[in-house]
Amino acid sequence: MSNTNNEIGREAIDNAVERLLRFARFIENAFPETTSSKGIIESKIVKIAEIKSLLNSYYQVTDERETLIKMR
């Protein structure tokens, strides 16, 4: 499911995508606002460099990876 670096692995992502696709028809029926996307839930992904900087400082680490958040 995840690797030793606390990162979500490809297999976990693929499984989540499969579940979302499997339940898309239910989601579309239960949440009419998803009709235009056929029950697929999408949201923006935003870079959060400022928060990453604060986290690096708080945990006294240097993490050079890009940090993103999925908005609702």
PDB file of N, CA and C in Angstrom:
ATOM      1  N   MET A   1       0.816  -1.199   0.000  1.00  0.00           N
ATOM      2  CA  MET A   1       0.000   0.000   0.000  1.00  0.00           C
ATOM      3  C   MET A   1       0.854   1.254   0.000  1.00  0.00           C
ATOM      4  N   SER A   2       1.807   1.352   0.898  1.00  0.00           N
ATOM      5  CA  SER A   2       2.704   2.499   0.897  1.00  0.00           C
ATOM      6  C   SER A   2       4.109   2.001   1.141  1.00  0.00           C
ATOM      7  N   ASN A   3       5.085   2.831   0.772  1.00  0.00           N
ATOM      8  CA  ASN A   3       6.462   2.409   0.969  1.00  0.00           C
ATOM      9  C   ASN A   3       6.991   2.895   2.314  1.00  0.00           C
ATOM     10  N   THR A   4       8.237   2.635   2.590  1.00  0.00           N
ATOM     11  CA  THR A   4       8.801   2.965   3.897  1.00  0.00           C
ATOM     12  C   THR A   4       9.023   4.456   4.106  1.00  0.00           C
ATOM     13  N   ASN A   5       8.887   5.265   3.078  1.00  0.00           N
ATOM     14  CA  ASN A   5       9.064   6.718   3.201  1.00  0.00           C
ATOM     15  C   ASN A   5       7.741   7.430   3.473  1.00  0.00           C
ATOM     16  N   ASN A   6       6.713   6.687   3.871  1.00  0.00           N
ATOM     17  CA  ASN A   6       5.388   7.255   4.117  1.00  0.00           C
ATOM     18  C   ASN A   6       4.801   7.918   2.881  1.00  0.00           C
ATOM     19  N   GLU A   7       5.169   7.436   1.724  1.00  0.00           N
ATOM     20  CA  GLU A   7       4.609   7.939   0.477  1.00  0.00           C
ATOM     21  C   GLU A   7       3.565   6.943  -0.015  1.00  0.00           C
ATOM     22  N   ILE A   8       2.568   7.434  -0.682  1.00  0.00           N
ATOM     23  CA  ILE A   8       1.545   6.559  -1.238  1.00  0.00           C
ATOM     24  C   ILE A   8       2.111   5.950  -2.511  1.00  0.00           C
ATOM     25  N   GLY A   9       2.048   4.650  -2.605  1.00  0.00           N
ATOM     26  CA  GLY A   9       2.603   3.950  -3.750  1.00  0.00           C
ATOM     27  C   GLY A   9       1.656   3.901  -4.932  1.00  0.00           C
ATOM     28  N   ARG A  10       2.196   3.526  -6.063  1.00  0.00           N
ATOM     29  CA  ARG A  10       1.433   3.452  -7.307  1.00  0.00           C
ATOM     30  C   ARG A  10       0.253   2.487  -7.182  1.00  0.00           C
ATOM     31  N   GLU A  11       0.466   1.362  -6.511  1.00  0.00           N
ATOM     32  CA  GLU A  11      -0.598   0.372  -6.366  1.00  0.00           C
ATOM     33  C   GLU A  11      -1.788   0.952  -5.597  1.00  0.00           C
ATOM     34  N   ALA A  12      -1.529   1.702  -4.545  1.00  0.00           N
ATOM     35  CA  ALA A  12      -2.610   2.324  -3.767  1.00  0.00           C
ATOM     36  C   ALA A  12      -3.369   3.336  -4.611  1.00  0.00           C
ATOM     37  N   ILE A  13      -2.651   4.085  -5.414  1.00  0.00           N
ATOM     38  CA  ILE A  13      -3.297   5.076  -6.288  1.00  0.00           C
ATOM     39  C   ILE A  13      -4.166   4.373  -7.319  1.00  0.00           C
ATOM     40  N   ASP A  14      -3.625   3.323  -7.951  1.00  0.00           N
ATOM     41  CA  ASP A  14      -4.389   2.578  -8.947  1.00  0.00           C
ATOM     42  C   ASP A  14      -5.645   1.965  -8.331  1.00  0.00           C
ATOM     43  N   ASN A  15      -5.542   1.439  -7.110  1.00  0.00           N
ATOM     44  CA  ASN A  15      -6.706   0.865  -6.422  1.00  0.00           C
ATOM     45  C   ASN A  15      -7.762   1.924  -6.143  1.00  0.00           C
ATOM     46  N   ALA A  16      -7.326   3.105  -5.731  1.00  0.00           N
ATOM     47  CA  ALA A  16      -8.270   4.196  -5.452  1.00  0.00           C
ATOM     48  C   ALA A  16      -8.984   4.632  -6.724  1.00  0.00           C
ATOM     49  N   VAL A  17      -8.247   4.742  -7.812  1.00  0.00           N
ATOM     50  CA  VAL A  17      -8.847   5.117  -9.097  1.00  0.00           C
ATOM     51  C   VAL A  17      -9.887   4.083  -9.512  1.00  0.00           C
ATOM     52  N   GLU A  18      -9.551   2.816  -9.364  1.00  0.00           N
ATOM     53  CA  GLU A  18     -10.481   1.737  -9.713  1.00  0.00           C
ATOM     54  C   GLU A  18     -11.768   1.836  -8.898  1.00  0.00           C
ATOM     55  N   ARG A  19     -11.646   2.096  -7.590  1.00  0.00           N
ATOM     56  CA  ARG A  19     -12.839   2.222  -6.740  1.00  0.00           C
ATOM     57  C   ARG A  19     -13.683   3.429  -7.141  1.00  0.00           C
ATOM     58  N   LEU A  20     -13.041   4.548  -7.412  1.00  0.00           N
ATOM     59  CA  LEU A  20     -13.798   5.739  -7.812  1.00  0.00           C
ATOM     60  C   LEU A  20     -14.562   5.492  -9.105  1.00  0.00           C
ATOM     61  N   LEU A  21     -13.928   4.823 -10.056  1.00  0.00           N
ATOM     62  CA  LEU A  21     -14.602   4.518 -11.320  1.00  0.00           C
ATOM     63  C   LEU A  21     -15.755   3.533 -11.099  1.00  0.00           C
ATOM     64  N   ARG A  22     -15.552   2.562 -10.228  1.00  0.00           N
ATOM     65  CA  ARG A  22     -16.582   1.558  -9.948  1.00  0.00           C
ATOM     66  C   ARG A  22     -17.820   2.207  -9.327  1.00  0.00           C
ATOM     67  N   PHE A  23     -17.621   3.222  -8.486  1.00  0.00           N
ATOM     68  CA  PHE A  23     -18.741   3.851  -7.786  1.00  0.00           C
ATOM     69  C   PHE A  23     -19.230   5.145  -8.441  1.00  0.00           C
ATOM     70  N   ALA A  24     -18.717   5.476  -9.610  1.00  0.00           N
ATOM     71  CA  ALA A  24     -19.078   6.737 -10.274  1.00  0.00           C
ATOM     72  C   ALA A  24     -20.579   6.862 -10.504  1.00  0.00           C
ATOM     73  N   ARG A  25     -21.231   5.802 -10.956  1.00  0.00           N
ATOM     74  CA  ARG A  25     -22.677   5.880 -11.215  1.00  0.00           C
ATOM     75  C   ARG A  25     -23.437   6.163  -9.919  1.00  0.00           C
ATOM     76  N   PHE A  26     -23.059   5.487  -8.823  1.00  0.00           N
ATOM     77  CA  PHE A  26     -23.705   5.755  -7.528  1.00  0.00           C
ATOM     78  C   PHE A  26     -23.476   7.205  -7.105  1.00  0.00           C
ATOM     79  N   ILE A  27     -22.237   7.674  -7.228  1.00  0.00           N
ATOM     80  CA  ILE A  27     -21.907   9.047  -6.821  1.00  0.00           C
ATOM     81  C   ILE A  27     -22.719  10.045  -7.630  1.00  0.00           C
ATOM     82  N   GLU A  28     -22.839   9.791  -8.936  1.00  0.00           N
ATOM     83  CA  GLU A  28     -23.621  10.693  -9.788  1.00  0.00           C
ATOM     84  C   GLU A  28     -25.078  10.727  -9.339  1.00  0.00           C
ATOM     85  N   ASN A  29     -25.647   9.581  -8.989  1.00  0.00           N
ATOM     86  CA  ASN A  29     -27.046   9.536  -8.535  1.00  0.00           C
ATOM     87  C   ASN A  29     -27.220  10.149  -7.156  1.00  0.00           C
ATOM     88  N   ALA A  30     -26.275   9.909  -6.271  1.00  0.00           N
ATOM     89  CA  ALA A  30     -26.386  10.408  -4.896  1.00  0.00           C
ATOM     90  C   ALA A  30     -26.055  11.895  -4.788  1.00  0.00           C
ATOM     91  N   PHE A  31     -25.185  12.371  -5.683  1.00  0.00           N
ATOM     92  CA  PHE A  31     -24.736  13.766  -5.638  1.00  0.00           C
ATOM     93  C   PHE A  31     -24.922  14.390  -7.017  1.00  0.00           C
ATOM     94  N   PRO A  32     -26.101  14.958  -7.277  1.00  0.00           N
ATOM     95  CA  PRO A  32     -26.414  15.499  -8.596  1.00  0.00           C
ATOM     96  C   PRO A  32     -25.412  16.531  -9.112  1.00  0.00           C
ATOM     97  N   GLU A  33     -24.689  17.176  -8.197  1.00  0.00           N
ATOM     98  CA  GLU A  33     -23.702  18.163  -8.647  1.00  0.00           C
ATOM     99  C   GLU A  33     -22.538  17.525  -9.417  1.00  0.00           C
ATOM    100  N   THR A  34     -22.458  16.191  -9.389  1.00  0.00           N
ATOM    101  CA  THR A  34     -21.392  15.500 -10.138  1.00  0.00           C
ATOM    102  C   THR A  34     -21.878  15.010 -11.500  1.00  0.00           C
ATOM    103  N   THR A  35     -23.098  15.368 -11.877  1.00  0.00           N
ATOM    104  CA  THR A  35     -23.660  14.908 -13.147  1.00  0.00           C
ATOM    105  C   THR A  35     -22.787  15.302 -14.335  1.00  0.00           C
ATOM    106  N   SER A  36     -22.300  16.528 -14.338  1.00  0.00           N
ATOM    107  CA  SER A  36     -21.496  16.985 -15.478  1.00  0.00           C
ATOM    108  C   SER A  36     -20.190  16.213 -15.627  1.00  0.00           C
ATOM    109  N   SER A  37     -19.713  15.627 -14.535  1.00  0.00           N
ATOM    110  CA  SER A  37     -18.468  14.842 -14.592  1.00  0.00           C
ATOM    111  C   SER A  37     -18.747  13.341 -14.553  1.00  0.00           C
ATOM    112  N   LYS A  38     -20.031  12.959 -14.721  1.00  0.00           N
ATOM    113  CA  LYS A  38     -20.445  11.547 -14.726  1.00  0.00           C
ATOM    114  C   LYS A  38     -20.073  10.835 -13.428  1.00  0.00           C
ATOM    115  N   GLY A  39     -20.176  11.544 -12.296  1.00  0.00           N
ATOM    116  CA  GLY A  39     -19.908  10.935 -11.002  1.00  0.00           C
ATOM    117  C   GLY A  39     -18.447  10.898 -10.605  1.00  0.00           C
ATOM    118  N   ILE A  40     -17.603  11.460 -11.421  1.00  0.00           N
ATOM    119  CA  ILE A  40     -16.177  11.511 -11.107  1.00  0.00           C
ATOM    120  C   ILE A  40     -15.929  12.778 -10.294  1.00  0.00           C
ATOM    121  N   ILE A  41     -15.291  12.619  -9.144  1.00  0.00           N
ATOM    122  CA  ILE A  41     -15.021  13.744  -8.257  1.00  0.00           C
ATOM    123  C   ILE A  41     -13.634  14.288  -8.581  1.00  0.00           C
ATOM    124  N   GLU A  42     -13.578  15.534  -8.956  1.00  0.00           N
ATOM    125  CA  GLU A  42     -12.302  16.174  -9.286  1.00  0.00           C
ATOM    126  C   GLU A  42     -12.172  17.470  -8.502  1.00  0.00           C
ATOM    127  N   SER A  43     -10.955  17.816  -8.192  1.00  0.00           N
ATOM    128  CA  SER A  43     -10.692  19.094  -7.541  1.00  0.00           C
ATOM    129  C   SER A  43      -9.294  19.562  -7.926  1.00  0.00           C
ATOM    130  N   LYS A  44      -9.052  20.842  -7.724  1.00  0.00           N
ATOM    131  CA  LYS A  44      -7.757  21.424  -8.066  1.00  0.00           C
ATOM    132  C   LYS A  44      -6.650  20.881  -7.174  1.00  0.00           C
ATOM    133  N   ILE A  45      -5.467  20.797  -7.744  1.00  0.00           N
ATOM    134  CA  ILE A  45      -4.267  20.482  -6.980  1.00  0.00           C
ATOM    135  C   ILE A  45      -3.427  21.749  -6.958  1.00  0.00           C
ATOM    136  N   VAL A  46      -3.046  22.194  -5.755  1.00  0.00           N
ATOM    137  CA  VAL A  46      -2.373  23.474  -5.582  1.00  0.00           C
ATOM    138  C   VAL A  46      -1.032  23.269  -4.877  1.00  0.00           C
ATOM    139  N   LYS A  47       0.004  23.964  -5.362  1.00  0.00           N
ATOM    140  CA  LYS A  47       1.304  23.938  -4.687  1.00  0.00           C
ATOM    141  C   LYS A  47       1.189  24.705  -3.374  1.00  0.00           C
ATOM    142  N   ILE A  48       1.818  24.191  -2.320  1.00  0.00           N
ATOM    143  CA  ILE A  48       1.766  24.858  -1.017  1.00  0.00           C
ATOM    144  C   ILE A  48       3.183  25.056  -0.474  1.00  0.00           C
ATOM    145  N   ALA A  49       3.966  25.808  -1.208  1.00  0.00           N
ATOM    146  CA  ALA A  49       5.369  26.033  -0.849  1.00  0.00           C
ATOM    147  C   ALA A  49       5.510  26.694   0.527  1.00  0.00           C
ATOM    148  N   GLU A  50       4.610  27.620   0.859  1.00  0.00           N
ATOM    149  CA  GLU A  50       4.715  28.313   2.143  1.00  0.00           C
ATOM    150  C   GLU A  50       4.512  27.346   3.311  1.00  0.00           C
ATOM    151  N   ILE A  51       3.524  26.478   3.179  1.00  0.00           N
ATOM    152  CA  ILE A  51       3.269  25.500   4.242  1.00  0.00           C
ATOM    153  C   ILE A  51       4.428  24.516   4.321  1.00  0.00           C
ATOM    154  N   LYS A  52       4.956  24.126   3.175  1.00  0.00           N
ATOM    155  CA  LYS A  52       6.100  23.215   3.163  1.00  0.00           C
ATOM    156  C   LYS A  52       7.270  23.833   3.914  1.00  0.00           C
ATOM    157  N   SER A  53       7.507  25.094   3.689  1.00  0.00           N
ATOM    158  CA  SER A  53       8.594  25.789   4.376  1.00  0.00           C
ATOM    159  C   SER A  53       8.381  25.773   5.890  1.00  0.00           C
ATOM    160  N   LEU A  54       7.149  26.031   6.322  1.00  0.00           N
ATOM    161  CA  LEU A  54       6.830  25.996   7.753  1.00  0.00           C
ATOM    162  C   LEU A  54       7.022  24.589   8.332  1.00  0.00           C
ATOM    163  N   LEU A  55       6.594  23.583   7.595  1.00  0.00           N
ATOM    164  CA  LEU A  55       6.753  22.202   8.065  1.00  0.00           C
ATOM    165  C   LEU A  55       8.227  21.820   8.148  1.00  0.00           C
ATOM    166  N   ASN A  56       9.005  22.210   7.129  1.00  0.00           N
ATOM    167  CA  ASN A  56      10.444  21.928   7.163  1.00  0.00           C
ATOM    168  C   ASN A  56      11.085  22.560   8.392  1.00  0.00           C
ATOM    169  N   SER A  57      10.696  23.786   8.674  1.00  0.00           N
ATOM    170  CA  SER A  57      11.239  24.496   9.819  1.00  0.00           C
ATOM    171  C   SER A  57      10.799  23.834  11.135  1.00  0.00           C
ATOM    172  N   TYR A  58       9.521  23.532  11.235  1.00  0.00           N
ATOM    173  CA  TYR A  58       8.980  22.938  12.459  1.00  0.00           C
ATOM    174  C   TYR A  58       9.633  21.592  12.769  1.00  0.00           C
ATOM    175  N   TYR A  59       9.769  20.758  11.739  1.00  0.00           N
ATOM    176  CA  TYR A  59      10.342  19.422  11.946  1.00  0.00           C
ATOM    177  C   TYR A  59      11.863  19.402  11.771  1.00  0.00           C
ATOM    178  N   GLN A  60      12.442  20.560  11.508  1.00  0.00           N
ATOM    179  CA  GLN A  60      13.885  20.708  11.332  1.00  0.00           C
ATOM    180  C   GLN A  60      14.432  19.718  10.308  1.00  0.00           C
ATOM    181  N   VAL A  61      13.804  19.736   9.142  1.00  0.00           N
ATOM    182  CA  VAL A  61      14.218  18.878   8.031  1.00  0.00           C
ATOM    183  C   VAL A  61      14.359  19.723   6.778  1.00  0.00           C
ATOM    184  N   THR A  62      14.986  19.149   5.789  1.00  0.00           N
ATOM    185  CA  THR A  62      15.055  19.779   4.474  1.00  0.00           C
ATOM    186  C   THR A  62      14.455  18.806   3.479  1.00  0.00           C
ATOM    187  N   ASP A  63      13.279  19.120   3.010  1.00  0.00           N
ATOM    188  CA  ASP A  63      12.587  18.277   2.047  1.00  0.00           C
ATOM    189  C   ASP A  63      12.453  19.082   0.761  1.00  0.00           C
ATOM    190  N   GLU A  64      13.139  18.654  -0.277  1.00  0.00           N
ATOM    191  CA  GLU A  64      13.168  19.404  -1.532  1.00  0.00           C
ATOM    192  C   GLU A  64      12.016  19.043  -2.467  1.00  0.00           C
ATOM    193  N   ARG A  65      11.232  18.040  -2.096  1.00  0.00           N
ATOM    194  CA  ARG A  65      10.141  17.624  -2.983  1.00  0.00           C
ATOM    195  C   ARG A  65       9.050  18.684  -3.044  1.00  0.00           C
ATOM    196  N   GLU A  66       8.358  18.713  -4.158  1.00  0.00           N
ATOM    197  CA  GLU A  66       7.230  19.622  -4.323  1.00  0.00           C
ATOM    198  C   GLU A  66       6.095  19.153  -3.421  1.00  0.00           C
ATOM    199  N   THR A  67       5.444  20.086  -2.742  1.00  0.00           N
ATOM    200  CA  THR A  67       4.347  19.758  -1.839  1.00  0.00           C
ATOM    201  C   THR A  67       3.058  20.303  -2.409  1.00  0.00           C
ATOM    202  N   LEU A  68       2.061  19.423  -2.498  1.00  0.00           N
ATOM    203  CA  LEU A  68       0.789  19.775  -3.111  1.00  0.00           C
ATOM    204  C   LEU A  68      -0.349  19.446  -2.164  1.00  0.00           C
ATOM    205  N   ILE A  69      -1.496  20.106  -2.378  1.00  0.00           N
ATOM    206  CA  ILE A  69      -2.711  19.787  -1.635  1.00  0.00           C
ATOM    207  C   ILE A  69      -3.856  19.734  -2.645  1.00  0.00           C
ATOM    208  N   LYS A  70      -4.755  18.802  -2.434  1.00  0.00           N
ATOM    209  CA  LYS A  70      -5.931  18.677  -3.297  1.00  0.00           C
ATOM    210  C   LYS A  70      -7.070  19.443  -2.639  1.00  0.00           C
ATOM    211  N   MET A  71      -7.561  20.449  -3.321  1.00  0.00           N
ATOM    212  CA  MET A  71      -8.617  21.309  -2.795  1.00  0.00           C
ATOM    213  C   MET A  71      -9.976  20.648  -2.984  1.00  0.00           C
ATOM    214  N   ARG A  72     -10.950  21.116  -2.230  1.00  0.00           N
ATOM    215  CA  ARG A  72     -12.275  20.561  -2.445  1.00  0.00           C
ATOM    216  C   ARG A  72     -13.123  21.459  -3.299  1.00  0.00           C
TER     217      ARG A  72
END
